[in-house]
């Protein structure tokens, strides 16, 4: 049970709070907040997936699209944060 809840993204502190309550529904605010966080993560994952799928389908190189400049013909804007993130994950 703990592993499943951990996989759902609960912190150990949140798990302790939920597991020591007579009912998880005693902490509806925590559960609602967690649902909102999951919805945000799902939305971000979908946006990332769409970007990757677009990159896979596009016949142009990044240089041709101007992806490292201020924008691209496809409407994507690359910021310094994106470039820094790319360096971190490279």
C-alpha atoms as a PDB file:
ATOM      1  CA  UNK A   1       0.000   0.000   0.000  1.00  0.00           C
ATOM      2  CA  UNK A   2       2.797   2.438   0.843  1.00  0.00           C
ATOM      3  CA  UNK A   3       4.635   1.771  -2.407  1.00  0.00           C
ATOM      4  CA  UNK A   4       1.476   2.347  -4.454  1.00  0.00           C
ATOM      5  CA  UNK A   5       0.830   5.672  -2.720  1.00  0.00           C
ATOM      6  CA  UNK A   6       4.486   6.632  -3.112  1.00  0.00           C
ATOM      7  CA  UNK A   7       4.188   5.851  -6.829  1.00  0.00           C
ATOM      8  CA  UNK A   8       1.180   8.197  -6.894  1.00  0.00           C
ATOM      9  CA  UNK A   9       3.542  10.959  -5.809  1.00  0.00           C
ATOM     10  CA  UNK A  10       2.793  11.372  -2.127  1.00  0.00           C
ATOM     11  CA  UNK A  11       5.677  12.416   0.095  1.00  0.00           C
ATOM     12  CA  UNK A  12       6.498  10.331   3.154  1.00  0.00           C
ATOM     13  CA  UNK A  13       5.052  13.065   5.372  1.00  0.00           C
ATOM     14  CA  UNK A  14       1.799  13.027   3.371  1.00  0.00           C
ATOM     15  CA  UNK A  15       1.684   9.242   3.558  1.00  0.00           C
ATOM     16  CA  UNK A  16       2.126   9.360   7.322  1.00  0.00           C
ATOM     17  CA  UNK A  17      -0.674  11.927   7.579  1.00  0.00           C
ATOM     18  CA  UNK A  18      -3.018   9.795   5.481  1.00  0.00           C
ATOM     19  CA  UNK A  19      -2.132   6.486   7.119  1.00  0.00           C
ATOM     20  CA  UNK A  20      -2.483   7.738  10.704  1.00  0.00           C
ATOM     21  CA  UNK A  21      -5.953   9.177  10.089  1.00  0.00           C
ATOM     22  CA  UNK A  22      -9.030   7.049  10.779  1.00  0.00           C
ATOM     23  CA  UNK A  23     -10.059   7.718   7.177  1.00  0.00           C
ATOM     24  CA  UNK A  24      -8.139   9.247   4.236  1.00  0.00           C
ATOM     25  CA  UNK A  25     -11.208  11.420   3.708  1.00  0.00           C
ATOM     26  CA  UNK A  26     -10.285  13.213   6.930  1.00  0.00           C
ATOM     27  CA  UNK A  27      -7.690  14.957   4.767  1.00  0.00           C
ATOM     28  CA  UNK A  28      -9.750  15.953   1.744  1.00  0.00           C
ATOM     29  CA  UNK A  29      -7.739  19.173   1.360  1.00  0.00           C
ATOM     30  CA  UNK A  30      -4.499  17.194   1.000  1.00  0.00           C
ATOM     31  CA  UNK A  31      -6.091  14.806  -1.495  1.00  0.00           C
ATOM     32  CA  UNK A  32      -7.608  17.642  -3.556  1.00  0.00           C
ATOM     33  CA  UNK A  33      -4.279  19.491  -3.614  1.00  0.00           C
ATOM     34  CA  UNK A  34      -2.549  16.323  -4.741  1.00  0.00           C
ATOM     35  CA  UNK A  35      -5.083  15.813  -7.545  1.00  0.00           C
ATOM     36  CA  UNK A  36      -4.386  19.379  -8.745  1.00  0.00           C
ATOM     37  CA  UNK A  37      -0.632  18.697  -8.701  1.00  0.00           C
ATOM     38  CA  UNK A  38      -1.125  15.482 -10.676  1.00  0.00           C
ATOM     39  CA  UNK A  39      -3.299  17.289 -13.233  1.00  0.00           C
ATOM     40  CA  UNK A  40      -0.566  19.900 -13.676  1.00  0.00           C
ATOM     41  CA  UNK A  41       2.110  17.200 -14.120  1.00  0.00           C
ATOM     42  CA  UNK A  42      -0.095  15.368 -16.637  1.00  0.00           C
ATOM     43  CA  UNK A  43      -0.628  18.603 -18.573  1.00  0.00           C
ATOM     44  CA  UNK A  44       3.115  19.301 -18.632  1.00  0.00           C
ATOM     45  CA  UNK A  45       3.843  15.735 -19.748  1.00  0.00           C
ATOM     46  CA  UNK A  46       1.285  16.017 -22.568  1.00  0.00           C
ATOM     47  CA  UNK A  47       2.813  19.301 -23.737  1.00  0.00           C
ATOM     48  CA  UNK A  48       6.294  17.738 -23.699  1.00  0.00           C
ATOM     49  CA  UNK A  49       5.004  14.725 -25.635  1.00  0.00           C
ATOM     50  CA  UNK A  50       3.407  16.978 -28.254  1.00  0.00           C
ATOM     51  CA  UNK A  51       6.652  18.924 -28.647  1.00  0.00           C
ATOM     52  CA  UNK A  52       8.661  15.717 -29.083  1.00  0.00           C
ATOM     53  CA  UNK A  53       6.136  14.316 -31.566  1.00  0.00           C
ATOM     54  CA  UNK A  54       6.289  17.575 -33.525  1.00  0.00           C
ATOM     55  CA  UNK A  55      10.086  17.426 -33.569  1.00  0.00           C
ATOM     56  CA  UNK A  56       9.958  13.845 -34.828  1.00  0.00           C
ATOM     57  CA  UNK A  57       7.528  14.743 -37.613  1.00  0.00           C
ATOM     58  CA  UNK A  58       9.284  17.934 -38.736  1.00  0.00           C
ATOM     59  CA  UNK A  59      11.738  17.503 -41.629  1.00  0.00           C
ATOM     60  CA  UNK A  60      13.737  20.642 -40.722  1.00  0.00           C
ATOM     61  CA  UNK A  61      16.808  20.792 -38.492  1.00  0.00           C
ATOM     62  CA  UNK A  62      16.834  22.911 -35.329  1.00  0.00           C
ATOM     63  CA  UNK A  63      19.141  25.393 -37.082  1.00  0.00           C
ATOM     64  CA  UNK A  64      16.664  25.724 -39.963  1.00  0.00           C
ATOM     65  CA  UNK A  65      13.835  26.323 -37.508  1.00  0.00           C
ATOM     66  CA  UNK A  66      15.803  28.902 -35.508  1.00  0.00           C
ATOM     67  CA  UNK A  67      15.103  27.022 -32.290  1.00  0.00           C
ATOM     68  CA  UNK A  68      18.095  28.480 -30.449  1.00  0.00           C
ATOM     69  CA  UNK A  69      17.188  32.055 -31.335  1.00  0.00           C
ATOM     70  CA  UNK A  70      14.121  33.948 -30.143  1.00  0.00           C
ATOM     71  CA  UNK A  71      11.566  31.761 -31.846  1.00  0.00           C
ATOM     72  CA  UNK A  72      10.777  29.529 -34.760  1.00  0.00           C
ATOM     73  CA  UNK A  73       8.477  29.484 -37.748  1.00  0.00           C
ATOM     74  CA  UNK A  74       6.468  26.841 -35.898  1.00  0.00           C
ATOM     75  CA  UNK A  75       5.594  29.202 -33.071  1.00  0.00           C
ATOM     76  CA  UNK A  76       7.879  27.774 -30.390  1.00  0.00           C
ATOM     77  CA  UNK A  77       9.762  30.208 -28.205  1.00  0.00           C
ATOM     78  CA  UNK A  78      12.967  28.978 -26.633  1.00  0.00           C
ATOM     79  CA  UNK A  79      14.036  30.833 -23.509  1.00  0.00           C
ATOM     80  CA  UNK A  80      17.324  30.879 -21.645  1.00  0.00           C
ATOM     81  CA  UNK A  81      15.677  28.588 -19.073  1.00  0.00           C
ATOM     82  CA  UNK A  82      14.949  26.050 -21.818  1.00  0.00           C
ATOM     83  CA  UNK A  83      18.558  26.198 -22.980  1.00  0.00           C
ATOM     84  CA  UNK A  84      19.774  25.774 -19.384  1.00  0.00           C
ATOM     85  CA  UNK A  85      17.395  22.822 -18.881  1.00  0.00           C
ATOM     86  CA  UNK A  86      18.703  21.275 -22.078  1.00  0.00           C
ATOM     87  CA  UNK A  87      22.276  21.577 -20.774  1.00  0.00           C
ATOM     88  CA  UNK A  88      21.292  19.951 -17.484  1.00  0.00           C
ATOM     89  CA  UNK A  89      19.629  16.959 -19.168  1.00  0.00           C
ATOM     90  CA  UNK A  90      22.216  16.525 -21.906  1.00  0.00           C
END
